[in-house]
Amino acid sequence: GFNSELLKHFPESELEGALSIGEIYSSGS
């Protein structure tokens, strides 16, 4: 689903990353 959705909007982009031990996130707010 992530790969398909990304390619809909950005056909030349490549989804990559990792399966992690915890995830880091803060939007700045």
PDB file of all heavy atoms in Angstrom:
ATOM      1  N   GLY A   1       0.815  -1.216   0.000  1.00  0.00           N
ATOM      2  CA  GLY A   1       0.000   0.000   0.000  1.00  0.00           C
ATOM      3  C   GLY A   1       0.845   1.262   0.000  1.00  0.00           C
ATOM      4  O   GLY A   1       0.554   2.216  -0.743  1.00  0.00           O
ATOM      5  N   PHE A   2       1.902   1.290   0.804  1.00  0.00           N
ATOM      6  CA  PHE A   2       2.787   2.456   0.831  1.00  0.00           C
ATOM      7  C   PHE A   2       3.466   2.656  -0.517  1.00  0.00           C
ATOM      8  O   PHE A   2       3.555   3.776  -1.036  1.00  0.00           O
ATOM      9  CB  PHE A   2       3.849   2.288   1.922  1.00  0.00           C
ATOM     10  CG  PHE A   2       3.424   2.768   3.270  1.00  0.00           C
ATOM     11  CD1 PHE A   2       3.061   1.862   4.257  1.00  0.00           C
ATOM     12  CD2 PHE A   2       3.381   4.123   3.566  1.00  0.00           C
ATOM     13  CE1 PHE A   2       2.664   2.293   5.515  1.00  0.00           C
ATOM     14  CE2 PHE A   2       2.989   4.564   4.817  1.00  0.00           C
ATOM     15  CZ  PHE A   2       2.623   3.654   5.797  1.00  0.00           C
ATOM     16  N   ASN A   3       3.965   1.568  -1.090  1.00  0.00           N
ATOM     17  CA  ASN A   3       4.658   1.660  -2.366  1.00  0.00           C
ATOM     18  C   ASN A   3       3.727   2.167  -3.466  1.00  0.00           C
ATOM     19  O   ASN A   3       4.089   3.052  -4.256  1.00  0.00           O
ATOM     20  CB  ASN A   3       5.232   0.291  -2.732  1.00  0.00           C
ATOM     21  CG  ASN A   3       6.254   0.366  -3.844  1.00  0.00           C
ATOM     22  OD1 ASN A   3       7.329   0.941  -3.678  1.00  0.00           O
ATOM     23  ND2 ASN A   3       5.929  -0.216  -4.978  1.00  0.00           N
ATOM     24  N   SER A   4       2.507   1.625  -3.511  1.00  0.00           N
ATOM     25  CA  SER A   4       1.534   2.027  -4.537  1.00  0.00           C
ATOM     26  C   SER A   4       1.135   3.482  -4.390  1.00  0.00           C
ATOM     27  O   SER A   4       1.049   4.225  -5.380  1.00  0.00           O
ATOM     28  CB  SER A   4       0.289   1.128  -4.467  1.00  0.00           C
ATOM     29  OG  SER A   4       0.618  -0.215  -4.715  1.00  0.00           O
ATOM     30  N   GLU A   5       0.875   3.900  -3.156  1.00  0.00           N
ATOM     31  CA  GLU A   5       0.464   5.282  -2.908  1.00  0.00           C
ATOM     32  C   GLU A   5       1.571   6.263  -3.268  1.00  0.00           C
ATOM     33  O   GLU A   5       1.317   7.324  -3.851  1.00  0.00           O
ATOM     34  CB  GLU A   5       0.058   5.472  -1.447  1.00  0.00           C
ATOM     35  CG  GLU A   5      -1.299   4.918  -1.089  1.00  0.00           C
ATOM     36  CD  GLU A   5      -2.440   5.601  -1.849  1.00  0.00           C
ATOM     37  OE1 GLU A   5      -2.376   6.837  -2.052  1.00  0.00           O
ATOM     38  OE2 GLU A   5      -3.379   4.895  -2.243  1.00  0.00           O
ATOM     39  N   LEU A   6       2.813   5.920  -2.931  1.00  0.00           N
ATOM     40  CA  LEU A   6       3.931   6.803  -3.262  1.00  0.00           C
ATOM     41  C   LEU A   6       4.068   6.963  -4.773  1.00  0.00           C
ATOM     42  O   LEU A   6       4.247   8.080  -5.282  1.00  0.00           O
ATOM     43  CB  LEU A   6       5.221   6.247  -2.663  1.00  0.00           C
ATOM     44  CG  LEU A   6       6.483   7.071  -2.947  1.00  0.00           C
ATOM     45  CD1 LEU A   6       6.449   8.388  -2.188  1.00  0.00           C
ATOM     46  CD2 LEU A   6       7.744   6.288  -2.580  1.00  0.00           C
ATOM     47  N   LEU A   7       3.976   5.840  -5.501  1.00  0.00           N
ATOM     48  CA  LEU A   7       4.152   5.885  -6.956  1.00  0.00           C
ATOM     49  C   LEU A   7       3.025   6.634  -7.650  1.00  0.00           C
ATOM     50  O   LEU A   7       3.219   7.187  -8.740  1.00  0.00           O
ATOM     51  CB  LEU A   7       4.270   4.468  -7.513  1.00  0.00           C
ATOM     52  CG  LEU A   7       5.545   3.703  -7.096  1.00  0.00           C
ATOM     53  CD1 LEU A   7       5.534   2.283  -7.631  1.00  0.00           C
ATOM     54  CD2 LEU A   7       6.802   4.447  -7.548  1.00  0.00           C
ATOM     55  N   LYS A   8       1.859   6.676  -7.046  1.00  0.00           N
ATOM     56  CA  LYS A   8       0.746   7.460  -7.613  1.00  0.00           C
ATOM     57  C   LYS A   8       1.120   8.930  -7.717  1.00  0.00           C
ATOM     58  O   LYS A   8       0.806   9.607  -8.696  1.00  0.00           O
ATOM     59  CB  LYS A   8      -0.502   7.328  -6.734  1.00  0.00           C
ATOM     60  CG  LYS A   8      -1.303   6.060  -6.911  1.00  0.00           C
ATOM     61  CD  LYS A   8      -2.532   6.117  -6.008  1.00  0.00           C
ATOM     62  CE  LYS A   8      -3.282   4.795  -5.996  1.00  0.00           C
ATOM     63  NZ  LYS A   8      -4.446   4.838  -5.071  1.00  0.00           N
ATOM     64  N   HIS A   9       1.781   9.411  -6.682  1.00  0.00           N
ATOM     65  CA  HIS A   9       2.102  10.837  -6.613  1.00  0.00           C
ATOM     66  C   HIS A   9       3.485  11.151  -7.146  1.00  0.00           C
ATOM     67  O   HIS A   9       3.712  12.229  -7.708  1.00  0.00           O
ATOM     68  CB  HIS A   9       1.992  11.318  -5.156  1.00  0.00           C
ATOM     69  CG  HIS A   9       0.632  11.154  -4.564  1.00  0.00           C
ATOM     70  ND1 HIS A   9      -0.396  12.048  -4.801  1.00  0.00           N
ATOM     71  CD2 HIS A   9       0.112  10.196  -3.754  1.00  0.00           C
ATOM     72  CE1 HIS A   9      -1.484  11.655  -4.146  1.00  0.00           C
ATOM     73  NE2 HIS A   9      -1.211  10.543  -3.512  1.00  0.00           N
ATOM     74  N   PHE A  10       4.430  10.211  -6.960  1.00  0.00           N
ATOM     75  CA  PHE A  10       5.815  10.443  -7.371  1.00  0.00           C
ATOM     76  C   PHE A  10       6.341   9.190  -8.074  1.00  0.00           C
ATOM     77  O   PHE A  10       7.028   8.359  -7.470  1.00  0.00           O
ATOM     78  CB  PHE A  10       6.688  10.767  -6.152  1.00  0.00           C
ATOM     79  CG  PHE A  10       6.175  11.913  -5.320  1.00  0.00           C
ATOM     80  CD1 PHE A  10       5.553  11.670  -4.097  1.00  0.00           C
ATOM     81  CD2 PHE A  10       6.295  13.221  -5.758  1.00  0.00           C
ATOM     82  CE1 PHE A  10       5.080  12.709  -3.324  1.00  0.00           C
ATOM     83  CE2 PHE A  10       5.815  14.272  -4.992  1.00  0.00           C
ATOM     84  CZ  PHE A  10       5.198  14.019  -3.775  1.00  0.00           C
ATOM     85  N   PRO A  11       6.026   9.034  -9.365  1.00  0.00           N
ATOM     86  CA  PRO A  11       6.356   7.799 -10.096  1.00  0.00           C
ATOM     87  C   PRO A  11       7.848   7.459 -10.123  1.00  0.00           C
ATOM     88  O   PRO A  11       8.210   6.295 -10.298  1.00  0.00           O
ATOM     89  CB  PRO A  11       5.832   8.077 -11.513  1.00  0.00           C
ATOM     90  CG  PRO A  11       4.796   9.141 -11.340  1.00  0.00           C
ATOM     91  CD  PRO A  11       5.263   9.981 -10.197  1.00  0.00           C
ATOM     92  N   GLU A  12       8.715   8.454  -9.962  1.00  0.00           N
ATOM     93  CA  GLU A  12      10.151   8.195 -10.050  1.00  0.00           C
ATOM     94  C   GLU A  12      10.802   7.997  -8.686  1.00  0.00           C
ATOM     95  O   GLU A  12      12.013   7.753  -8.603  1.00  0.00           O
ATOM     96  CB  GLU A  12      10.837   9.357 -10.784  1.00  0.00           C
ATOM     97  CG  GLU A  12      10.381   9.497 -12.235  1.00  0.00           C
ATOM     98  CD  GLU A  12      11.098  10.631 -12.950  1.00  0.00           C
ATOM     99  OE1 GLU A  12      11.961  11.270 -12.306  1.00  0.00           O
ATOM    100  OE2 GLU A  12      10.807  10.871 -14.120  1.00  0.00           O
ATOM    101  N   SER A  13      10.013   8.087  -7.609  1.00  0.00           N
ATOM    102  CA  SER A  13      10.579   7.917  -6.267  1.00  0.00           C
ATOM    103  C   SER A  13      10.625   6.446  -5.873  1.00  0.00           C
ATOM    104  O   SER A  13       9.832   5.635  -6.361  1.00  0.00           O
ATOM    105  CB  SER A  13       9.758   8.704  -5.237  1.00  0.00           C
ATOM    106  OG  SER A  13       9.966  10.082  -5.377  1.00  0.00           O
ATOM    107  N   GLU A  14      11.538   6.139  -4.981  1.00  0.00           N
ATOM    108  CA  GLU A  14      11.755   4.760  -4.564  1.00  0.00           C
ATOM    109  C   GLU A  14      11.600   4.667  -3.049  1.00  0.00           C
ATOM    110  O   GLU A  14      12.337   5.311  -2.299  1.00  0.00           O
ATOM    111  CB  GLU A  14      13.166   4.332  -4.980  1.00  0.00           C
ATOM    112  CG  GLU A  14      13.355   2.842  -5.123  1.00  0.00           C
ATOM    113  CD  GLU A  14      14.671   2.513  -5.805  1.00  0.00           C
ATOM    114  OE1 GLU A  14      15.708   3.054  -5.388  1.00  0.00           O
ATOM    115  OE2 GLU A  14      14.670   1.719  -6.759  1.00  0.00           O
ATOM    116  N   LEU A  15      10.621   3.866  -2.615  1.00  0.00           N
ATOM    117  CA  LEU A  15      10.388   3.696  -1.178  1.00  0.00           C
ATOM    118  C   LEU A  15      11.450   2.781  -0.582  1.00  0.00           C
ATOM    119  O   LEU A  15      11.597   1.630  -0.992  1.00  0.00           O
ATOM    120  CB  LEU A  15       9.002   3.100  -0.941  1.00  0.00           C
ATOM    121  CG  LEU A  15       8.614   2.918   0.536  1.00  0.00           C
ATOM    122  CD1 LEU A  15       8.391   4.271   1.200  1.00  0.00           C
ATOM    123  CD2 LEU A  15       7.369   2.052   0.667  1.00  0.00           C
ATOM    124  N   GLU A  16      12.202   3.308   0.389  1.00  0.00           N
ATOM    125  CA  GLU A  16      13.223   2.507   1.060  1.00  0.00           C
ATOM    126  C   GLU A  16      13.290   2.907   2.527  1.00  0.00           C
ATOM    127  O   GLU A  16      12.835   3.974   2.926  1.00  0.00           O
ATOM    128  CB  GLU A  16      14.585   2.693   0.386  1.00  0.00           C
ATOM    129  CG  GLU A  16      14.642   2.052  -0.993  1.00  0.00           C
ATOM    130  CD  GLU A  16      15.977   2.223  -1.676  1.00  0.00           C
ATOM    131  OE1 GLU A  16      16.545   3.332  -1.613  1.00  0.00           O
ATOM    132  OE2 GLU A  16      16.456   1.253  -2.284  1.00  0.00           O
ATOM    133  N   GLY A  17      13.872   2.015   3.334  1.00  0.00           N
ATOM    134  CA  GLY A  17      13.977   2.280   4.760  1.00  0.00           C
ATOM    135  C   GLY A  17      14.412   1.034   5.506  1.00  0.00           C
ATOM    136  O   GLY A  17      15.229   0.263   5.013  1.00  0.00           O
ATOM    137  N   ALA A  18      13.817   0.819   6.686  1.00  0.00           N
ATOM    138  CA  ALA A  18      14.249  -0.315   7.507  1.00  0.00           C
ATOM    139  C   ALA A  18      13.165  -0.712   8.492  1.00  0.00           C
ATOM    140  O   ALA A  18      12.290   0.077   8.851  1.00  0.00           O
ATOM    141  CB  ALA A  18      15.530   0.038   8.259  1.00  0.00           C
ATOM    142  N   LEU A  19      13.235  -1.979   8.917  1.00  0.00           N
ATOM    143  CA  LEU A  19      12.469  -2.445  10.065  1.00  0.00           C
ATOM    144  C   LEU A  19      13.325  -2.152  11.288  1.00  0.00           C
ATOM    145  O   LEU A  19      14.423  -2.680  11.430  1.00  0.00           O
ATOM    146  CB  LEU A  19      12.180  -3.944   9.947  1.00  0.00           C
ATOM    147  CG  LEU A  19      11.364  -4.385   8.730  1.00  0.00           C
ATOM    148  CD1 LEU A  19      11.111  -5.883   8.773  1.00  0.00           C
ATOM    149  CD2 LEU A  19      10.034  -3.630   8.668  1.00  0.00           C
ATOM    150  N   SER A  20      12.830  -1.292  12.154  1.00  0.00           N
ATOM    151  CA  SER A  20      13.632  -0.705  13.220  1.00  0.00           C
ATOM    152  C   SER A  20      13.236  -1.230  14.593  1.00  0.00           C
ATOM    153  O   SER A  20      12.190  -1.862  14.770  1.00  0.00           O
ATOM    154  CB  SER A  20      13.495   0.822  13.185  1.00  0.00           C
ATOM    155  OG  SER A  20      12.119   1.195  13.166  1.00  0.00           O
ATOM    156  N   ILE A  21      14.089  -0.940  15.571  1.00  0.00           N
ATOM    157  CA  ILE A  21      13.814  -1.285  16.971  1.00  0.00           C
ATOM    158  C   ILE A  21      13.414   0.014  17.657  1.00  0.00           C
ATOM    159  O   ILE A  21      14.198   0.657  18.348  1.00  0.00           O
ATOM    160  CB  ILE A  21      15.038  -1.925  17.641  1.00  0.00           C
ATOM    161  CG1 ILE A  21      15.533  -3.123  16.817  1.00  0.00           C
ATOM    162  CG2 ILE A  21      14.701  -2.373  19.062  1.00  0.00           C
ATOM    163  CD1 ILE A  21      16.838  -3.706  17.294  1.00  0.00           C
ATOM    164  N   GLY A  22      12.184   0.418  17.437  1.00  0.00           N
ATOM    165  CA  GLY A  22      11.711   1.715  17.906  1.00  0.00           C
ATOM    166  C   GLY A  22      11.800   2.742  16.794  1.00  0.00           C
ATOM    167  O   GLY A  22      12.666   2.659  15.903  1.00  0.00           O
ATOM    168  N   GLU A  23      10.889   3.705  16.823  1.00  0.00           N
ATOM    169  CA  GLU A  23      10.804   4.721  15.786  1.00  0.00           C
ATOM    170  C   GLU A  23      10.842   6.104  16.436  1.00  0.00           C
ATOM    171  O   GLU A  23      10.295   6.301  17.518  1.00  0.00           O
ATOM    172  CB  GLU A  23       9.505   4.565  14.977  1.00  0.00           C
ATOM    173  CG  GLU A  23       9.402   3.245  14.261  1.00  0.00           C
ATOM    174  CD  GLU A  23       9.170   2.074  15.205  1.00  0.00           C
ATOM    175  OE1 GLU A  23       8.209   2.111  15.997  1.00  0.00           O
ATOM    176  OE2 GLU A  23       9.989   1.124  15.175  1.00  0.00           O
ATOM    177  N   ILE A  24      11.474   7.050  15.745  1.00  0.00           N
ATOM    178  CA  ILE A  24      11.679   8.397  16.285  1.00  0.00           C
ATOM    179  C   ILE A  24      10.821   9.376  15.497  1.00  0.00           C
ATOM    180  O   ILE A  24      10.872   9.414  14.265  1.00  0.00           O
ATOM    181  CB  ILE A  24      13.159   8.787  16.204  1.00  0.00           C
ATOM    182  CG1 ILE A  24      13.991   7.838  17.064  1.00  0.00           C
ATOM    183  CG2 ILE A  24      13.373  10.234  16.638  1.00  0.00           C
ATOM    184  CD1 ILE A  24      15.477   7.904  16.793  1.00  0.00           C
ATOM    185  N   TYR A  25      10.047  10.173  16.240  1.00  0.00           N
ATOM    186  CA  TYR A  25       9.139  11.098  15.556  1.00  0.00           C
ATOM    187  C   TYR A  25       8.773  12.278  16.445  1.00  0.00           C
ATOM    188  O   TYR A  25       8.432  12.114  17.609  1.00  0.00           O
ATOM    189  CB  TYR A  25       7.851  10.366  15.160  1.00  0.00           C
ATOM    190  CG  TYR A  25       6.751  11.298  14.666  1.00  0.00           C
ATOM    191  CD1 TYR A  25       6.780  11.807  13.370  1.00  0.00           C
ATOM    192  CD2 TYR A  25       5.701  11.677  15.498  1.00  0.00           C
ATOM    193  CE1 TYR A  25       5.778  12.660  12.918  1.00  0.00           C
ATOM    194  CE2 TYR A  25       4.693  12.528  15.054  1.00  0.00           C
ATOM    195  CZ  TYR A  25       4.745  13.010  13.766  1.00  0.00           C
ATOM    196  OH  TYR A  25       3.765  13.856  13.314  1.00  0.00           O
ATOM    197  N   SER A  26       8.857  13.455  15.889  1.00  0.00           N
ATOM    198  CA  SER A  26       8.234  14.653  16.442  1.00  0.00           C
ATOM    199  C   SER A  26       8.067  15.638  15.304  1.00  0.00           C
ATOM    200  O   SER A  26       9.031  15.931  14.586  1.00  0.00           O
ATOM    201  CB  SER A  26       9.076  15.277  17.550  1.00  0.00           C
ATOM    202  OG  SER A  26       8.491  16.502  17.974  1.00  0.00           O
ATOM    203  N   SER A  27       6.868  16.130  15.127  1.00  0.00           N
ATOM    204  CA  SER A  27       6.557  17.011  13.992  1.00  0.00           C
ATOM    205  C   SER A  27       7.017  18.436  14.225  1.00  0.00           C
ATOM    206  O   SER A  27       6.834  19.296  13.361  1.00  0.00           O
ATOM    207  CB  SER A  27       5.051  17.004  13.731  1.00  0.00           C
ATOM    208  OG  SER A  27       4.358  17.509  14.860  1.00  0.00           O
ATOM    209  N   GLY A  28       7.603  18.726  15.376  1.00  0.00           N
ATOM    210  CA  GLY A  28       7.995  20.088  15.695  1.00  0.00           C
ATOM    211  C   GLY A  28       6.990  20.800  16.564  1.00  0.00           C
ATOM    212  O   GLY A  28       7.170  21.963  16.919  1.00  0.00           O
ATOM    213  N   SER A  29       5.927  20.092  16.940  1.00  0.00           N
ATOM    214  CA  SER A  29       4.897  20.719  17.774  1.00  0.00           C
ATOM    215  C   SER A  29       4.592  19.877  19.007  1.00  0.00           C
ATOM    216  O   SER A  29       3.563  20.051  19.639  1.00  0.00           O
ATOM    217  CB  SER A  29       3.611  20.924  16.970  1.00  0.00           C
ATOM    218  OG  SER A  29       3.114  19.688  16.497  1.00  0.00           O
TER     219      SER A  29
END
